[in-house]
């Protein structure tokens, strides 16, 4: 058995996850690395809704796709970055907050 071929969903965040899963399966991928933007994986929802992760798994199962990783590149960047106005467009509002750099770093962490 060869290595699984996976797709990072970040480049496709403008598509709904279900549409992307259908396409990924049609393209021949074995699984995905879910990006934490778009509706692909939302950390705040995973923390606040006990059914959220299972629903994501069910969606992947529907298309016979495996989940190999969850990627939090954009918010993860803000943990140690020197925060400036450019971050506002890549961060969710609950992380950006008032834009105060120390607060952004803390919320990102």
PDB file of N, CA and C in Angstrom:
ATOM      1  N   UNK A   1       0.852  -1.191   0.000  1.00  0.00           N
ATOM      2  CA  UNK A   1       0.000   0.000   0.000  1.00  0.00           C
ATOM      3  C   UNK A   1       0.891   1.246   0.000  1.00  0.00           C
ATOM      4  N   UNK A   2       0.608   2.142  -0.904  1.00  0.00           N
ATOM      5  CA  UNK A   2       1.358   3.390  -0.993  1.00  0.00           C
ATOM      6  C   UNK A   2       0.924   4.384   0.063  1.00  0.00           C
ATOM      7  N   UNK A   3       1.594   5.480   0.060  1.00  0.00           N
ATOM      8  CA  UNK A   3       1.230   6.567   0.980  1.00  0.00           C
ATOM      9  C   UNK A   3      -0.074   7.202   0.529  1.00  0.00           C
ATOM     10  N   UNK A   4      -0.876   7.642   1.485  1.00  0.00           N
ATOM     11  CA  UNK A   4      -2.114   8.328   1.105  1.00  0.00           C
ATOM     12  C   UNK A   4      -1.805   9.675   0.460  1.00  0.00           C
ATOM     13  N   UNK A   5      -2.619  10.043  -0.483  1.00  0.00           N
ATOM     14  CA  UNK A   5      -2.485  11.332  -1.153  1.00  0.00           C
ATOM     15  C   UNK A   5      -3.555  12.243  -0.567  1.00  0.00           C
ATOM     16  N   UNK A   6      -3.110  13.363  -0.003  1.00  0.00           N
ATOM     17  CA  UNK A   6      -4.038  14.255   0.704  1.00  0.00           C
ATOM     18  C   UNK A   6      -4.050  15.646   0.080  1.00  0.00           C
ATOM     19  N   UNK A   7      -5.088  16.375   0.403  1.00  0.00           N
ATOM     20  CA  UNK A   7      -5.281  17.730  -0.101  1.00  0.00           C
ATOM     21  C   UNK A   7      -5.412  18.683   1.077  1.00  0.00           C
ATOM     22  N   UNK A   8      -4.606  19.745   1.078  1.00  0.00           N
ATOM     23  CA  UNK A   8      -4.770  20.819   2.061  1.00  0.00           C
ATOM     24  C   UNK A   8      -5.904  21.703   1.572  1.00  0.00           C
ATOM     25  N   UNK A   9      -6.902  21.941   2.413  1.00  0.00           N
ATOM     26  CA  UNK A   9      -8.106  22.636   1.966  1.00  0.00           C
ATOM     27  C   UNK A   9      -7.997  24.155   1.961  1.00  0.00           C
ATOM     28  N   UNK A  10      -6.905  24.708   2.494  1.00  0.00           N
ATOM     29  CA  UNK A  10      -6.789  26.159   2.613  1.00  0.00           C
ATOM     30  C   UNK A  10      -6.905  26.910   1.306  1.00  0.00           C
ATOM     31  N   UNK A  11      -6.339  26.361   0.246  1.00  0.00           N
ATOM     32  CA  UNK A  11      -6.408  27.043  -1.056  1.00  0.00           C
ATOM     33  C   UNK A  11      -7.826  27.050  -1.612  1.00  0.00           C
ATOM     34  N   UNK A  12      -8.687  26.250  -1.015  1.00  0.00           N
ATOM     35  CA  UNK A  12     -10.062  26.101  -1.503  1.00  0.00           C
ATOM     36  C   UNK A  12     -11.076  26.629  -0.482  1.00  0.00           C
ATOM     37  N   UNK A  13     -10.656  27.507   0.417  1.00  0.00           N
ATOM     38  CA  UNK A  13     -11.518  27.949   1.511  1.00  0.00           C
ATOM     39  C   UNK A  13     -12.737  28.730   1.047  1.00  0.00           C
ATOM     40  N   UNK A  14     -12.730  29.161  -0.218  1.00  0.00           N
ATOM     41  CA  UNK A  14     -13.913  29.851  -0.730  1.00  0.00           C
ATOM     42  C   UNK A  14     -15.017  28.864  -1.101  1.00  0.00           C
ATOM     43  N   UNK A  15     -14.713  27.570  -1.116  1.00  0.00           N
ATOM     44  CA  UNK A  15     -15.721  26.541  -1.383  1.00  0.00           C
ATOM     45  C   UNK A  15     -16.241  25.981  -0.074  1.00  0.00           C
ATOM     46  N   UNK A  16     -17.494  25.611  -0.059  1.00  0.00           N
ATOM     47  CA  UNK A  16     -18.044  24.897   1.091  1.00  0.00           C
ATOM     48  C   UNK A  16     -17.302  23.576   1.213  1.00  0.00           C
ATOM     49  N   UNK A  17     -17.119  23.113   2.440  1.00  0.00           N
ATOM     50  CA  UNK A  17     -16.372  21.884   2.649  1.00  0.00           C
ATOM     51  C   UNK A  17     -17.011  20.711   1.910  1.00  0.00           C
ATOM     52  N   UNK A  18     -18.316  20.626   1.914  1.00  0.00           N
ATOM     53  CA  UNK A  18     -18.941  19.489   1.221  1.00  0.00           C
ATOM     54  C   UNK A  18     -18.621  19.504  -0.269  1.00  0.00           C
ATOM     55  N   UNK A  19     -18.677  20.674  -0.887  1.00  0.00           N
ATOM     56  CA  UNK A  19     -18.330  20.761  -2.313  1.00  0.00           C
ATOM     57  C   UNK A  19     -16.882  20.330  -2.533  1.00  0.00           C
ATOM     58  N   UNK A  20     -15.990  20.754  -1.652  1.00  0.00           N
ATOM     59  CA  UNK A  20     -14.588  20.397  -1.784  1.00  0.00           C
ATOM     60  C   UNK A  20     -14.374  18.896  -1.569  1.00  0.00           C
ATOM     61  N   UNK A  21     -15.073  18.310  -0.611  1.00  0.00           N
ATOM     62  CA  UNK A  21     -14.947  16.862  -0.383  1.00  0.00           C
ATOM     63  C   UNK A  21     -15.366  16.077  -1.621  1.00  0.00           C
ATOM     64  N   UNK A  22     -16.444  16.483  -2.222  1.00  0.00           N
ATOM     65  CA  UNK A  22     -16.907  15.810  -3.434  1.00  0.00           C
ATOM     66  C   UNK A  22     -15.840  15.906  -4.524  1.00  0.00           C
ATOM     67  N   UNK A  23     -15.294  17.095  -4.707  1.00  0.00           N
ATOM     68  CA  UNK A  23     -14.260  17.294  -5.731  1.00  0.00           C
ATOM     69  C   UNK A  23     -12.991  16.507  -5.389  1.00  0.00           C
ATOM     70  N   UNK A  24     -12.586  16.533  -4.129  1.00  0.00           N
ATOM     71  CA  UNK A  24     -11.369  15.823  -3.725  1.00  0.00           C
ATOM     72  C   UNK A  24     -11.491  14.332  -4.030  1.00  0.00           C
ATOM     73  N   UNK A  25     -12.647  13.769  -3.748  1.00  0.00           N
ATOM     74  CA  UNK A  25     -12.853  12.345  -4.044  1.00  0.00           C
ATOM     75  C   UNK A  25     -12.820  12.105  -5.552  1.00  0.00           C
ATOM     76  N   UNK A  26     -13.479  12.981  -6.314  1.00  0.00           N
ATOM     77  CA  UNK A  26     -13.474  12.850  -7.778  1.00  0.00           C
ATOM     78  C   UNK A  26     -12.050  12.963  -8.323  1.00  0.00           C
ATOM     79  N   UNK A  27     -11.225  13.806  -7.707  1.00  0.00           N
ATOM     80  CA  UNK A  27      -9.845  14.005  -8.154  1.00  0.00           C
ATOM     81  C   UNK A  27      -8.939  12.842  -7.749  1.00  0.00           C
ATOM     82  N   UNK A  28      -9.432  11.961  -6.856  1.00  0.00           N
ATOM     83  CA  UNK A  28      -8.665  10.791  -6.455  1.00  0.00           C
ATOM     84  C   UNK A  28      -7.905  10.905  -5.148  1.00  0.00           C
ATOM     85  N   UNK A  29      -8.167  11.933  -4.354  1.00  0.00           N
ATOM     86  CA  UNK A  29      -7.486  12.085  -3.069  1.00  0.00           C
ATOM     87  C   UNK A  29      -7.998  11.056  -2.063  1.00  0.00           C
ATOM     88  N   UNK A  30      -7.108  10.668  -1.144  1.00  0.00           N
ATOM     89  CA  UNK A  30      -7.458   9.732  -0.082  1.00  0.00           C
ATOM     90  C   UNK A  30      -7.960  10.438   1.169  1.00  0.00           C
ATOM     91  N   UNK A  31      -7.591  11.691   1.326  1.00  0.00           N
ATOM     92  CA  UNK A  31      -7.979  12.420   2.518  1.00  0.00           C
ATOM     93  C   UNK A  31      -7.616  13.876   2.416  1.00  0.00           C
ATOM     94  N   UNK A  32      -7.813  14.579   3.533  1.00  0.00           N
ATOM     95  CA  UNK A  32      -7.602  16.023   3.556  1.00  0.00           C
ATOM     96  C   UNK A  32      -6.860  16.449   4.815  1.00  0.00           C
ATOM     97  N   UNK A  33      -6.274  17.630   4.716  1.00  0.00           N
ATOM     98  CA  UNK A  33      -5.797  18.397   5.856  1.00  0.00           C
ATOM     99  C   UNK A  33      -6.716  19.601   5.914  1.00  0.00           C
ATOM    100  N   UNK A  34      -7.562  19.654   6.926  1.00  0.00           N
ATOM    101  CA  UNK A  34      -8.553  20.729   7.021  1.00  0.00           C
ATOM    102  C   UNK A  34      -7.935  22.033   7.482  1.00  0.00           C
ATOM    103  N   UNK A  35      -8.218  23.085   6.746  1.00  0.00           N
ATOM    104  CA  UNK A  35      -7.808  24.432   7.142  1.00  0.00           C
ATOM    105  C   UNK A  35      -8.810  24.992   8.145  1.00  0.00           C
ATOM    106  N   UNK A  36      -8.332  25.811   9.038  1.00  0.00           N
ATOM    107  CA  UNK A  36      -9.201  26.465  10.022  1.00  0.00           C
ATOM    108  C   UNK A  36      -9.644  27.823   9.505  1.00  0.00           C
ATOM    109  N   UNK A  37     -10.216  27.828   8.332  1.00  0.00           N
ATOM    110  CA  UNK A  37     -10.876  29.007   7.799  1.00  0.00           C
ATOM    111  C   UNK A  37     -11.917  28.546   6.811  1.00  0.00           C
ATOM    112  N   UNK A  38     -12.736  29.494   6.341  1.00  0.00           N
ATOM    113  CA  UNK A  38     -13.925  29.080   5.602  1.00  0.00           C
ATOM    114  C   UNK A  38     -14.791  28.272   6.556  1.00  0.00           C
ATOM    115  N   UNK A  39     -15.571  27.344   6.003  1.00  0.00           N
ATOM    116  CA  UNK A  39     -16.367  26.484   6.883  1.00  0.00           C
ATOM    117  C   UNK A  39     -15.695  25.125   7.065  1.00  0.00           C
ATOM    118  N   UNK A  40     -14.415  25.039   6.717  1.00  0.00           N
ATOM    119  CA  UNK A  40     -13.734  23.748   6.736  1.00  0.00           C
ATOM    120  C   UNK A  40     -13.540  23.226   8.151  1.00  0.00           C
ATOM    121  N   UNK A  41     -13.013  24.045   9.042  1.00  0.00           N
ATOM    122  CA  UNK A  41     -12.941  23.676  10.457  1.00  0.00           C
ATOM    123  C   UNK A  41     -12.864  24.951  11.269  1.00  0.00           C
ATOM    124  N   UNK A  42     -13.808  25.112  12.185  1.00  0.00           N
ATOM    125  CA  UNK A  42     -13.882  26.313  13.009  1.00  0.00           C
ATOM    126  C   UNK A  42     -13.644  25.912  14.462  1.00  0.00           C
ATOM    127  N   UNK A  43     -12.487  26.297  14.973  1.00  0.00           N
ATOM    128  CA  UNK A  43     -12.060  25.879  16.301  1.00  0.00           C
ATOM    129  C   UNK A  43     -13.073  26.300  17.364  1.00  0.00           C
ATOM    130  N   UNK A  44     -13.576  27.523  17.267  1.00  0.00           N
ATOM    131  CA  UNK A  44     -14.530  27.984  18.285  1.00  0.00           C
ATOM    132  C   UNK A  44     -15.780  27.119  18.301  1.00  0.00           C
ATOM    133  N   UNK A  45     -16.240  26.669  17.152  1.00  0.00           N
ATOM    134  CA  UNK A  45     -17.417  25.784  17.099  1.00  0.00           C
ATOM    135  C   UNK A  45     -17.085  24.398  17.638  1.00  0.00           C
ATOM    136  N   UNK A  46     -15.883  23.921  17.353  1.00  0.00           N
ATOM    137  CA  UNK A  46     -15.470  22.612  17.879  1.00  0.00           C
ATOM    138  C   UNK A  46     -15.442  22.627  19.405  1.00  0.00           C
ATOM    139  N   UNK A  47     -15.078  23.772  19.976  1.00  0.00           N
ATOM    140  CA  UNK A  47     -15.019  23.889  21.428  1.00  0.00           C
ATOM    141  C   UNK A  47     -16.388  24.081  22.074  1.00  0.00           C
ATOM    142  N   UNK A  48     -17.315  24.680  21.332  1.00  0.00           N
ATOM    143  CA  UNK A  48     -18.600  25.023  21.948  1.00  0.00           C
ATOM    144  C   UNK A  48     -19.744  24.070  21.589  1.00  0.00           C
ATOM    145  N   UNK A  49     -19.557  23.205  20.592  1.00  0.00           N
ATOM    146  CA  UNK A  49     -20.630  22.325  20.130  1.00  0.00           C
ATOM    147  C   UNK A  49     -20.139  20.885  20.163  1.00  0.00           C
ATOM    148  N   UNK A  50     -20.698  20.099  21.052  1.00  0.00           N
ATOM    149  CA  UNK A  50     -20.258  18.709  21.226  1.00  0.00           C
ATOM    150  C   UNK A  50     -20.471  17.838  19.986  1.00  0.00           C
ATOM    151  N   UNK A  51     -21.298  18.271  19.059  1.00  0.00           N
ATOM    152  CA  UNK A  51     -21.568  17.464  17.861  1.00  0.00           C
ATOM    153  C   UNK A  51     -20.743  17.906  16.650  1.00  0.00           C
ATOM    154  N   UNK A  52     -20.069  19.026  16.764  1.00  0.00           N
ATOM    155  CA  UNK A  52     -19.386  19.632  15.612  1.00  0.00           C
ATOM    156  C   UNK A  52     -18.357  18.693  14.971  1.00  0.00           C
ATOM    157  N   UNK A  53     -17.441  18.171  15.757  1.00  0.00           N
ATOM    158  CA  UNK A  53     -16.377  17.322  15.197  1.00  0.00           C
ATOM    159  C   UNK A  53     -16.947  16.049  14.575  1.00  0.00           C
ATOM    160  N   UNK A  54     -17.934  15.462  15.218  1.00  0.00           N
ATOM    161  CA  UNK A  54     -18.550  14.261  14.646  1.00  0.00           C
ATOM    162  C   UNK A  54     -19.230  14.565  13.315  1.00  0.00           C
ATOM    163  N   UNK A  55     -19.828  15.737  13.193  1.00  0.00           N
ATOM    164  CA  UNK A  55     -20.457  16.099  11.921  1.00  0.00           C
ATOM    165  C   UNK A  55     -19.409  16.285  10.826  1.00  0.00           C
ATOM    166  N   UNK A  56     -18.264  16.846  11.164  1.00  0.00           N
ATOM    167  CA  UNK A  56     -17.172  16.962  10.182  1.00  0.00           C
ATOM    168  C   UNK A  56     -16.699  15.573   9.769  1.00  0.00           C
ATOM    169  N   UNK A  57     -16.518  14.682  10.736  1.00  0.00           N
ATOM    170  CA  UNK A  57     -16.107  13.303  10.434  1.00  0.00           C
ATOM    171  C   UNK A  57     -17.141  12.609   9.547  1.00  0.00           C
ATOM    172  N   UNK A  58     -18.417  12.794   9.870  1.00  0.00           N
ATOM    173  CA  UNK A  58     -19.477  12.180   9.060  1.00  0.00           C
ATOM    174  C   UNK A  58     -19.421  12.669   7.619  1.00  0.00           C
ATOM    175  N   UNK A  59     -19.158  13.955   7.434  1.00  0.00           N
ATOM    176  CA  UNK A  59     -19.062  14.507   6.082  1.00  0.00           C
ATOM    177  C   UNK A  59     -17.891  13.867   5.332  1.00  0.00           C
ATOM    178  N   UNK A  60     -16.747  13.753   5.987  1.00  0.00           N
ATOM    179  CA  UNK A  60     -15.596  13.114   5.342  1.00  0.00           C
ATOM    180  C   UNK A  60     -15.897  11.651   5.032  1.00  0.00           C
ATOM    181  N   UNK A  61     -16.543  10.962   5.961  1.00  0.00           N
ATOM    182  CA  UNK A  61     -16.915   9.556   5.733  1.00  0.00           C
ATOM    183  C   UNK A  61     -17.841   9.409   4.532  1.00  0.00           C
ATOM    184  N   UNK A  62     -18.745  10.361   4.369  1.00  0.00           N
ATOM    185  CA  UNK A  62     -19.682  10.327   3.241  1.00  0.00           C
ATOM    186  C   UNK A  62     -18.940  10.243   1.908  1.00  0.00           C
ATOM    187  N   UNK A  63     -17.766  10.870   1.852  1.00  0.00           N
ATOM    188  CA  UNK A  63     -16.971  10.879   0.620  1.00  0.00           C
ATOM    189  C   UNK A  63     -15.756   9.951   0.716  1.00  0.00           C
ATOM    190  N   UNK A  64     -15.762   9.090   1.728  1.00  0.00           N
ATOM    191  CA  UNK A  64     -14.685   8.117   1.928  1.00  0.00           C
ATOM    192  C   UNK A  64     -13.317   8.797   1.961  1.00  0.00           C
ATOM    193  N   UNK A  65     -13.243   9.892   2.709  1.00  0.00           N
ATOM    194  CA  UNK A  65     -11.996  10.634   2.873  1.00  0.00           C
ATOM    195  C   UNK A  65     -11.542  10.537   4.325  1.00  0.00           C
ATOM    196  N   UNK A  66     -10.254  10.448   4.520  1.00  0.00           N
ATOM    197  CA  UNK A  66      -9.665  10.419   5.857  1.00  0.00           C
ATOM    198  C   UNK A  66      -9.202  11.822   6.229  1.00  0.00           C
ATOM    199  N   UNK A  67      -9.163  12.089   7.520  1.00  0.00           N
ATOM    200  CA  UNK A  67      -8.637  13.351   8.035  1.00  0.00           C
ATOM    201  C   UNK A  67      -7.235  13.090   8.565  1.00  0.00           C
ATOM    202  N   UNK A  68      -6.238  13.723   7.960  1.00  0.00           N
ATOM    203  CA  UNK A  68      -4.855  13.491   8.352  1.00  0.00           C
ATOM    204  C   UNK A  68      -4.292  14.605   9.224  1.00  0.00           C
ATOM    205  N   UNK A  69      -4.872  15.800   9.142  1.00  0.00           N
ATOM    206  CA  UNK A  69      -4.366  16.916   9.947  1.00  0.00           C
ATOM    207  C   UNK A  69      -5.385  18.044   9.954  1.00  0.00           C
ATOM    208  N   UNK A  70      -5.275  18.874  10.965  1.00  0.00           N
ATOM    209  CA  UNK A  70      -6.035  20.120  11.036  1.00  0.00           C
ATOM    210  C   UNK A  70      -4.999  21.231  11.076  1.00  0.00           C
ATOM    211  N   UNK A  71      -5.121  22.176  10.170  1.00  0.00           N
ATOM    212  CA  UNK A  71      -4.123  23.221  10.021  1.00  0.00           C
ATOM    213  C   UNK A  71      -4.664  24.560  10.484  1.00  0.00           C
ATOM    214  N   UNK A  72      -3.932  25.182  11.361  1.00  0.00           N
ATOM    215  CA  UNK A  72      -4.339  26.479  11.898  1.00  0.00           C
ATOM    216  C   UNK A  72      -3.285  27.531  11.570  1.00  0.00           C
ATOM    217  N   UNK A  73      -2.824  27.534  10.316  1.00  0.00           N
ATOM    218  CA  UNK A  73      -1.735  28.409   9.911  1.00  0.00           C
ATOM    219  C   UNK A  73      -1.985  29.885  10.222  1.00  0.00           C
ATOM    220  N   UNK A  74      -3.142  30.388   9.850  1.00  0.00           N
ATOM    221  CA  UNK A  74      -3.355  31.831   9.959  1.00  0.00           C
ATOM    222  C   UNK A  74      -3.384  32.296  11.405  1.00  0.00           C
ATOM    223  N   UNK A  75      -4.169  31.642  12.234  1.00  0.00           N
ATOM    224  CA  UNK A  75      -4.210  32.046  13.648  1.00  0.00           C
ATOM    225  C   UNK A  75      -2.889  31.697  14.320  1.00  0.00           C
ATOM    226  N   UNK A  76      -2.309  30.569  13.974  1.00  0.00           N
ATOM    227  CA  UNK A  76      -1.036  30.164  14.558  1.00  0.00           C
ATOM    228  C   UNK A  76       0.065  31.174  14.307  1.00  0.00           C
ATOM    229  N   UNK A  77       0.032  31.784  13.140  1.00  0.00           N
ATOM    230  CA  UNK A  77       1.004  32.817  12.806  1.00  0.00           C
ATOM    231  C   UNK A  77       0.960  33.971  13.799  1.00  0.00           C
ATOM    232  N   UNK A  78      -0.235  34.293  14.258  1.00  0.00           N
ATOM    233  CA  UNK A  78      -0.424  35.465  15.107  1.00  0.00           C
ATOM    234  C   UNK A  78       0.024  35.231  16.550  1.00  0.00           C
ATOM    235  N   UNK A  79       0.430  34.017  16.880  1.00  0.00           N
ATOM    236  CA  UNK A  79       0.879  33.751  18.247  1.00  0.00           C
ATOM    237  C   UNK A  79       2.155  34.534  18.554  1.00  0.00           C
ATOM    238  N   UNK A  80       3.095  34.528  17.629  1.00  0.00           N
ATOM    239  CA  UNK A  80       4.389  35.186  17.877  1.00  0.00           C
ATOM    240  C   UNK A  80       4.705  36.320  16.911  1.00  0.00           C
ATOM    241  N   UNK A  81       3.864  36.536  15.914  1.00  0.00           N
ATOM    242  CA  UNK A  81       4.104  37.622  14.959  1.00  0.00           C
ATOM    243  C   UNK A  81       4.092  38.981  15.644  1.00  0.00           C
ATOM    244  N   UNK A  82       4.792  39.930  15.029  1.00  0.00           N
ATOM    245  CA  UNK A  82       4.607  41.336  15.374  1.00  0.00           C
ATOM    246  C   UNK A  82       3.341  41.763  14.647  1.00  0.00           C
ATOM    247  N   UNK A  83       2.296  41.975  15.385  1.00  0.00           N
ATOM    248  CA  UNK A  83       0.965  42.208  14.813  1.00  0.00           C
ATOM    249  C   UNK A  83       0.878  43.601  14.210  1.00  0.00           C
ATOM    250  N   UNK A  84       0.318  43.653  12.992  1.00  0.00           N
ATOM    251  CA  UNK A  84       0.024  44.930  12.353  1.00  0.00           C
ATOM    252  C   UNK A  84      -1.297  44.800  11.600  1.00  0.00           C
ATOM    253  N   UNK A  85      -1.672  45.841  10.895  1.00  0.00           N
ATOM    254  CA  UNK A  85      -2.993  45.901  10.246  1.00  0.00           C
ATOM    255  C   UNK A  85      -3.218  44.773   9.245  1.00  0.00           C
ATOM    256  N   UNK A  86      -2.165  44.211   8.667  1.00  0.00           N
ATOM    257  CA  UNK A  86      -2.324  43.127   7.695  1.00  0.00           C
ATOM    258  C   UNK A  86      -2.963  41.891   8.310  1.00  0.00           C
ATOM    259  N   UNK A  87      -2.779  41.710   9.607  1.00  0.00           N
ATOM    260  CA  UNK A  87      -3.334  40.535  10.271  1.00  0.00           C
ATOM    261  C   UNK A  87      -4.861  40.569  10.339  1.00  0.00           C
ATOM    262  N   UNK A  88      -5.427  41.760  10.318  1.00  0.00           N
ATOM    263  CA  UNK A  88      -6.881  41.869  10.472  1.00  0.00           C
ATOM    264  C   UNK A  88      -7.623  41.067   9.409  1.00  0.00           C
ATOM    265  N   UNK A  89      -7.099  41.024   8.186  1.00  0.00           N
ATOM    266  CA  UNK A  89      -7.814  40.326   7.105  1.00  0.00           C
ATOM    267  C   UNK A  89      -7.626  38.813   7.139  1.00  0.00           C
ATOM    268  N   UNK A  90      -6.660  38.310   7.919  1.00  0.00           N
ATOM    269  CA  UNK A  90      -6.457  36.863   7.959  1.00  0.00           C
ATOM    270  C   UNK A  90      -6.918  36.219   9.257  1.00  0.00           C
ATOM    271  N   UNK A  91      -7.319  37.034  10.227  1.00  0.00           N
ATOM    272  CA  UNK A  91      -7.716  36.489  11.520  1.00  0.00           C
ATOM    273  C   UNK A  91      -9.222  36.585  11.722  1.00  0.00           C
ATOM    274  N   UNK A  92      -9.797  35.599  12.415  1.00  0.00           N
ATOM    275  CA  UNK A  92     -11.214  35.712  12.765  1.00  0.00           C
ATOM    276  C   UNK A  92     -11.407  36.891  13.727  1.00  0.00           C
ATOM    277  N   UNK A  93     -12.564  37.504  13.708  1.00  0.00           N
ATOM    278  CA  UNK A  93     -12.819  38.656  14.582  1.00  0.00           C
ATOM    279  C   UNK A  93     -12.572  38.377  16.062  1.00  0.00           C
ATOM    280  N   UNK A  94     -12.856  37.160  16.534  1.00  0.00           N
ATOM    281  CA  UNK A  94     -12.657  36.879  17.956  1.00  0.00           C
ATOM    282  C   UNK A  94     -11.170  36.823  18.323  1.00  0.00           C
ATOM    283  N   UNK A  95     -10.292  36.632  17.347  1.00  0.00           N
ATOM    284  CA  UNK A  95      -8.850  36.689  17.613  1.00  0.00           C
ATOM    285  C   UNK A  95      -8.339  38.114  17.431  1.00  0.00           C
ATOM    286  N   UNK A  96      -8.794  38.784  16.383  1.00  0.00           N
ATOM    287  CA  UNK A  96      -8.353  40.158  16.136  1.00  0.00           C
ATOM    288  C   UNK A  96      -8.795  41.073  17.268  1.00  0.00           C
ATOM    289  N   UNK A  97     -10.037  40.944  17.714  1.00  0.00           N
ATOM    290  CA  UNK A  97     -10.549  41.792  18.798  1.00  0.00           C
ATOM    291  C   UNK A  97     -10.430  43.254  18.446  1.00  0.00           C
ATOM    292  N   UNK A  98      -9.774  44.033  19.322  1.00  0.00           N
ATOM    293  CA  UNK A  98      -9.594  45.472  19.090  1.00  0.00           C
ATOM    294  C   UNK A  98      -8.304  45.772  18.326  1.00  0.00           C
ATOM    295  N   UNK A  99      -7.566  44.720  17.966  1.00  0.00           N
ATOM    296  CA  UNK A  99      -6.333  44.909  17.210  1.00  0.00           C
ATOM    297  C   UNK A  99      -5.113  45.218  18.054  1.00  0.00           C
ATOM    298  N   UNK A 100      -5.287  45.331  19.365  1.00  0.00           N
ATOM    299  CA  UNK A 100      -4.137  45.570  20.228  1.00  0.00           C
ATOM    300  C   UNK A 100      -3.187  44.376  20.088  1.00  0.00           C
ATOM    301  N   UNK A 101      -1.942  44.598  19.677  1.00  0.00           N
ATOM    302  CA  UNK A 101      -1.019  43.479  19.384  1.00  0.00           C
ATOM    303  C   UNK A 101      -0.876  42.459  20.512  1.00  0.00           C
ATOM    304  N   UNK A 102      -0.737  42.914  21.755  1.00  0.00           N
ATOM    305  CA  UNK A 102      -0.601  41.955  22.857  1.00  0.00           C
ATOM    306  C   UNK A 102      -1.849  41.094  22.999  1.00  0.00           C
ATOM    307  N   UNK A 103      -3.010  41.714  22.849  1.00  0.00           N
ATOM    308  CA  UNK A 103      -4.266  40.971  22.947  1.00  0.00           C
ATOM    309  C   UNK A 103      -4.425  39.980  21.796  1.00  0.00           C
ATOM    310  N   UNK A 104      -4.024  40.389  20.599  1.00  0.00           N
ATOM    311  CA  UNK A 104      -4.104  39.497  19.449  1.00  0.00           C
ATOM    312  C   UNK A 104      -3.207  38.278  19.687  1.00  0.00           C
ATOM    313  N   UNK A 105      -1.984  38.514  20.142  1.00  0.00           N
ATOM    314  CA  UNK A 105      -1.067  37.388  20.440  1.00  0.00           C
ATOM    315  C   UNK A 105      -1.663  36.448  21.473  1.00  0.00           C
ATOM    316  N   UNK A 106      -2.245  37.004  22.536  1.00  0.00           N
ATOM    317  CA  UNK A 106      -2.827  36.160  23.602  1.00  0.00           C
ATOM    318  C   UNK A 106      -4.018  35.356  23.074  1.00  0.00           C
ATOM    319  N   UNK A 107      -4.921  36.028  22.346  1.00  0.00           N
ATOM    320  CA  UNK A 107      -6.104  35.313  21.843  1.00  0.00           C
ATOM    321  C   UNK A 107      -5.715  34.244  20.824  1.00  0.00           C
ATOM    322  N   UNK A 108      -4.695  34.525  20.023  1.00  0.00           N
ATOM    323  CA  UNK A 108      -4.243  33.540  19.042  1.00  0.00           C
ATOM    324  C   UNK A 108      -3.673  32.309  19.739  1.00  0.00           C
ATOM    325  N   UNK A 109      -2.962  32.550  20.832  1.00  0.00           N
ATOM    326  CA  UNK A 109      -2.398  31.417  21.584  1.00  0.00           C
ATOM    327  C   UNK A 109      -3.501  30.605  22.227  1.00  0.00           C
TER     328      UNK A 109
END
